[in-house]
Amino acid sequence: MGIIDGGFGGIDALLGSDLPASVRARCYTSVGSFTSNLADCDDGETHGTAVAEAVFDMAPGIDLYVADPISALDEQRTVTWMTRNGIRIITPRSSRG
């Protein structure tokens, strides 16, 4: 399962309890630049973390991938990364407005 969102605040503290022990991450530090360090996805916003918790509650055996792309191209590359790693279900960033 892949989750694309704008914020994963507090996600590290939930690993192994409310989330899988291991989560694959693509955390953008600037447009076009990312790390796999989950802490870099923690920008204080918690929407993505809440989505991840809800998904894990419904499907506790999932492989979980998360990302916080900044630009449209980052988002396209994130979807490609997830699908190349076998992810078939991706929740897109929700539009705010």
N, C-alpha and C. Protein backbone atom coordinates (compact mmCIF):
# COMPACT_ATOMS: atom_id res chain seq x y z
N MET A 1 0.85 -1.17 0.00
CA MET A 1 0.00 0.00 0.00
C MET A 1 0.89 1.23 0.00
N GLY A 2 0.57 2.19 -0.82
CA GLY A 2 1.32 3.43 -0.87
C GLY A 2 0.46 4.59 -0.44
N ILE A 3 1.03 5.48 0.34
CA ILE A 3 0.32 6.67 0.79
C ILE A 3 1.14 7.89 0.39
N ILE A 4 0.51 8.74 -0.42
CA ILE A 4 1.13 10.00 -0.82
C ILE A 4 0.37 11.10 -0.08
N ASP A 5 1.09 11.85 0.72
CA ASP A 5 0.44 12.87 1.54
C ASP A 5 1.44 13.98 1.82
N GLY A 6 0.96 15.01 2.49
CA GLY A 6 1.80 16.16 2.77
C GLY A 6 2.50 16.13 4.10
N GLY A 7 2.12 15.22 4.98
CA GLY A 7 2.76 15.23 6.29
C GLY A 7 2.61 13.93 7.05
N PHE A 8 3.68 13.52 7.66
CA PHE A 8 3.70 12.28 8.41
C PHE A 8 4.27 12.52 9.81
N GLY A 9 3.76 13.55 10.46
CA GLY A 9 4.22 13.90 11.80
C GLY A 9 4.01 12.76 12.79
N GLY A 10 5.03 12.47 13.58
CA GLY A 10 4.95 11.45 14.62
C GLY A 10 4.95 10.02 14.14
N ILE A 11 5.21 9.79 12.86
CA ILE A 11 5.11 8.44 12.32
C ILE A 11 6.15 7.50 12.92
N ASP A 12 7.36 8.00 13.20
CA ASP A 12 8.42 7.16 13.78
C ASP A 12 7.98 6.49 15.08
N ALA A 13 7.25 7.21 15.90
CA ALA A 13 6.85 6.69 17.21
C ALA A 13 5.84 5.55 17.12
N LEU A 14 5.21 5.38 15.96
CA LEU A 14 4.16 4.37 15.81
C LEU A 14 4.64 3.08 15.17
N LEU A 15 5.90 3.07 14.71
CA LEU A 15 6.43 1.87 14.06
C LEU A 15 6.45 0.70 15.02
N GLY A 16 5.93 -0.43 14.55
CA GLY A 16 5.93 -1.64 15.36
C GLY A 16 4.74 -1.76 16.29
N SER A 17 3.90 -0.75 16.34
CA SER A 17 2.70 -0.85 17.19
C SER A 17 1.47 -0.49 16.36
N ASP A 18 1.26 0.77 16.08
CA ASP A 18 0.12 1.21 15.28
C ASP A 18 0.40 1.19 13.79
N LEU A 19 1.64 0.91 13.43
CA LEU A 19 2.08 0.80 12.04
C LEU A 19 3.04 -0.38 11.94
N PRO A 20 3.30 -0.86 10.71
CA PRO A 20 4.29 -1.94 10.58
C PRO A 20 5.63 -1.52 11.18
N ALA A 21 6.43 -2.49 11.55
CA ALA A 21 7.75 -2.19 12.13
C ALA A 21 8.65 -1.50 11.11
N SER A 22 8.40 -1.78 9.84
CA SER A 22 9.22 -1.20 8.78
C SER A 22 8.32 -0.51 7.75
N VAL A 23 8.64 0.72 7.43
CA VAL A 23 7.91 1.50 6.43
C VAL A 23 8.93 2.04 5.44
N ARG A 24 8.69 1.83 4.15
CA ARG A 24 9.57 2.38 3.13
C ARG A 24 9.15 3.81 2.86
N ALA A 25 10.10 4.71 2.80
CA ALA A 25 9.78 6.14 2.67
C ALA A 25 10.55 6.80 1.54
N ARG A 26 9.89 7.80 0.98
CA ARG A 26 10.52 8.70 0.01
C ARG A 26 10.14 10.09 0.49
N CYS A 27 11.03 10.68 1.28
CA CYS A 27 10.75 11.95 1.95
C CYS A 27 11.50 13.07 1.24
N TYR A 28 10.74 13.99 0.68
CA TYR A 28 11.32 15.07 -0.12
C TYR A 28 11.83 16.19 0.78
N THR A 29 13.08 16.56 0.54
CA THR A 29 13.70 17.65 1.28
C THR A 29 13.67 18.95 0.48
N SER A 30 13.51 18.82 -0.83
CA SER A 30 13.29 19.95 -1.75
C SER A 30 12.79 19.35 -3.06
N VAL A 31 12.36 20.18 -3.98
CA VAL A 31 11.85 19.68 -5.24
C VAL A 31 12.92 18.83 -5.92
N GLY A 32 12.55 17.59 -6.24
CA GLY A 32 13.46 16.68 -6.92
C GLY A 32 14.48 16.00 -6.03
N SER A 33 14.50 16.30 -4.76
CA SER A 33 15.49 15.73 -3.84
C SER A 33 14.78 15.06 -2.67
N PHE A 34 15.14 13.79 -2.41
CA PHE A 34 14.47 13.05 -1.35
C PHE A 34 15.45 12.13 -0.63
N THR A 35 15.03 11.65 0.52
CA THR A 35 15.79 10.66 1.28
C THR A 35 14.85 9.51 1.62
N SER A 36 15.41 8.43 2.11
CA SER A 36 14.60 7.30 2.59
C SER A 36 14.46 7.35 4.11
N ASN A 37 14.94 8.43 4.71
CA ASN A 37 14.87 8.61 6.17
C ASN A 37 13.46 9.07 6.55
N LEU A 38 12.72 8.20 7.22
CA LEU A 38 11.33 8.48 7.57
C LEU A 38 11.18 9.77 8.37
N ALA A 39 12.16 10.12 9.17
CA ALA A 39 12.09 11.35 9.95
C ALA A 39 12.00 12.59 9.06
N ASP A 40 12.50 12.50 7.83
CA ASP A 40 12.44 13.63 6.91
C ASP A 40 11.02 13.88 6.38
N CYS A 41 10.10 12.93 6.59
CA CYS A 41 8.70 13.11 6.19
C CYS A 41 7.89 13.77 7.31
N ASP A 42 8.50 13.96 8.47
CA ASP A 42 7.80 14.56 9.62
C ASP A 42 7.94 16.07 9.56
N ASP A 43 6.89 16.72 9.06
CA ASP A 43 6.91 18.18 8.98
C ASP A 43 5.94 18.80 9.99
N GLY A 44 5.46 17.98 10.92
CA GLY A 44 4.52 18.46 11.92
C GLY A 44 3.07 18.21 11.57
N GLU A 45 2.78 18.07 10.27
CA GLU A 45 1.42 17.73 9.84
C GLU A 45 1.20 16.23 10.06
N THR A 46 -0.01 15.84 10.44
CA THR A 46 -0.24 14.44 10.81
C THR A 46 -1.26 13.72 9.93
N HIS A 47 -1.76 14.36 8.88
CA HIS A 47 -2.78 13.72 8.06
C HIS A 47 -2.30 12.39 7.47
N GLY A 48 -1.12 12.38 6.90
CA GLY A 48 -0.58 11.15 6.31
C GLY A 48 -0.39 10.05 7.34
N THR A 49 0.02 10.43 8.54
CA THR A 49 0.19 9.45 9.61
C THR A 49 -1.16 8.84 9.98
N ALA A 50 -2.19 9.68 10.07
CA ALA A 50 -3.54 9.18 10.40
C ALA A 50 -4.06 8.24 9.32
N VAL A 51 -3.80 8.57 8.05
CA VAL A 51 -4.21 7.70 6.95
C VAL A 51 -3.48 6.36 7.06
N ALA A 52 -2.19 6.40 7.32
CA ALA A 52 -1.40 5.17 7.46
C ALA A 52 -1.93 4.31 8.60
N GLU A 53 -2.27 4.92 9.72
CA GLU A 53 -2.83 4.16 10.85
C GLU A 53 -4.15 3.50 10.48
N ALA A 54 -5.02 4.23 9.80
CA ALA A 54 -6.32 3.69 9.41
C ALA A 54 -6.15 2.51 8.45
N VAL A 55 -5.26 2.66 7.49
CA VAL A 55 -5.00 1.58 6.53
C VAL A 55 -4.44 0.35 7.25
N PHE A 56 -3.50 0.57 8.13
CA PHE A 56 -2.88 -0.55 8.85
C PHE A 56 -3.89 -1.24 9.77
N ASP A 57 -4.82 -0.50 10.34
CA ASP A 57 -5.88 -1.11 11.16
C ASP A 57 -6.73 -2.08 10.33
N MET A 58 -6.98 -1.72 9.07
CA MET A 58 -7.81 -2.55 8.19
C MET A 58 -7.02 -3.68 7.53
N ALA A 59 -5.73 -3.49 7.36
CA ALA A 59 -4.90 -4.48 6.66
C ALA A 59 -3.54 -4.59 7.35
N PRO A 60 -3.50 -5.24 8.51
CA PRO A 60 -2.26 -5.25 9.31
C PRO A 60 -1.06 -5.96 8.68
N GLY A 61 -1.25 -6.72 7.63
CA GLY A 61 -0.13 -7.42 7.02
C GLY A 61 0.49 -6.72 5.84
N ILE A 62 0.13 -5.48 5.60
CA ILE A 62 0.58 -4.78 4.39
C ILE A 62 2.05 -4.37 4.45
N ASP A 63 2.62 -4.22 3.26
CA ASP A 63 3.89 -3.52 3.10
C ASP A 63 3.48 -2.07 2.89
N LEU A 64 4.05 -1.16 3.66
CA LEU A 64 3.63 0.24 3.62
C LEU A 64 4.73 1.12 3.06
N TYR A 65 4.36 1.92 2.07
CA TYR A 65 5.24 2.91 1.45
C TYR A 65 4.61 4.27 1.65
N VAL A 66 5.41 5.27 2.03
CA VAL A 66 4.90 6.62 2.22
C VAL A 66 5.80 7.61 1.49
N ALA A 67 5.19 8.72 1.08
CA ALA A 67 5.96 9.77 0.40
C ALA A 67 5.24 11.10 0.54
N ASP A 68 6.03 12.16 0.53
CA ASP A 68 5.50 13.53 0.63
C ASP A 68 6.04 14.41 -0.49
N PRO A 69 5.72 14.08 -1.74
CA PRO A 69 6.28 14.85 -2.86
C PRO A 69 5.88 16.32 -2.81
N ILE A 70 6.76 17.16 -3.35
CA ILE A 70 6.55 18.60 -3.32
C ILE A 70 5.93 19.10 -4.62
N SER A 71 6.41 18.58 -5.75
CA SER A 71 5.94 19.05 -7.05
C SER A 71 5.15 17.95 -7.77
N ALA A 72 4.50 18.33 -8.86
CA ALA A 72 3.77 17.35 -9.67
C ALA A 72 4.72 16.30 -10.24
N LEU A 73 5.91 16.71 -10.66
CA LEU A 73 6.88 15.75 -11.19
C LEU A 73 7.36 14.82 -10.08
N ASP A 74 7.58 15.35 -8.87
CA ASP A 74 7.93 14.50 -7.73
C ASP A 74 6.84 13.45 -7.50
N GLU A 75 5.59 13.87 -7.61
CA GLU A 75 4.48 12.94 -7.40
C GLU A 75 4.46 11.85 -8.46
N GLN A 76 4.69 12.22 -9.71
CA GLN A 76 4.75 11.23 -10.79
C GLN A 76 5.87 10.23 -10.54
N ARG A 77 7.02 10.73 -10.14
CA ARG A 77 8.16 9.84 -9.87
C ARG A 77 7.91 8.97 -8.65
N THR A 78 7.16 9.48 -7.69
CA THR A 78 6.81 8.69 -6.51
C THR A 78 5.90 7.53 -6.89
N VAL A 79 4.91 7.80 -7.73
CA VAL A 79 4.01 6.74 -8.18
C VAL A 79 4.80 5.67 -8.94
N THR A 80 5.71 6.10 -9.79
CA THR A 80 6.56 5.15 -10.51
C THR A 80 7.38 4.31 -9.54
N TRP A 81 7.99 4.93 -8.53
CA TRP A 81 8.78 4.22 -7.52
C TRP A 81 7.92 3.18 -6.81
N MET A 82 6.73 3.58 -6.41
CA MET A 82 5.84 2.65 -5.69
C MET A 82 5.43 1.48 -6.57
N THR A 83 5.00 1.77 -7.79
CA THR A 83 4.55 0.68 -8.66
C THR A 83 5.70 -0.25 -9.06
N ARG A 84 6.88 0.28 -9.23
CA ARG A 84 8.03 -0.58 -9.54
C ARG A 84 8.39 -1.50 -8.38
N ASN A 85 7.98 -1.12 -7.19
CA ASN A 85 8.22 -1.95 -6.01
C ASN A 85 7.02 -2.84 -5.68
N GLY A 86 6.11 -2.98 -6.65
CA GLY A 86 5.00 -3.91 -6.50
C GLY A 86 3.76 -3.35 -5.83
N ILE A 87 3.76 -2.07 -5.52
CA ILE A 87 2.59 -1.46 -4.88
C ILE A 87 1.50 -1.28 -5.93
N ARG A 88 0.31 -1.79 -5.63
CA ARG A 88 -0.81 -1.72 -6.57
C ARG A 88 -1.93 -0.80 -6.08
N ILE A 89 -1.91 -0.44 -4.81
CA ILE A 89 -2.91 0.47 -4.27
C ILE A 89 -2.18 1.67 -3.70
N ILE A 90 -2.53 2.85 -4.19
CA ILE A 90 -1.89 4.09 -3.75
C ILE A 90 -2.97 5.10 -3.41
N THR A 91 -2.91 5.65 -2.21
CA THR A 91 -3.83 6.73 -1.87
C THR A 91 -3.14 8.03 -2.24
N PRO A 92 -3.77 8.82 -3.10
CA PRO A 92 -3.15 10.08 -3.52
C PRO A 92 -3.31 11.16 -2.48
N ARG A 93 -2.49 12.16 -2.60
CA ARG A 93 -2.60 13.34 -1.74
C ARG A 93 -4.00 13.91 -1.92
N SER A 94 -4.63 14.23 -0.80
CA SER A 94 -5.97 14.82 -0.88
C SER A 94 -5.84 16.28 -1.27
N SER A 95 -6.79 16.75 -2.06
CA SER A 95 -6.76 18.17 -2.42
C SER A 95 -7.39 18.97 -1.30
N ARG A 96 -6.80 20.09 -1.04
CA ARG A 96 -7.31 20.98 0.00
C ARG A 96 -7.85 22.21 -0.69
N GLY A 97 -8.97 22.68 -0.19
CA GLY A 97 -9.45 23.85 -0.88
C GLY A 97 -10.69 24.37 -0.36
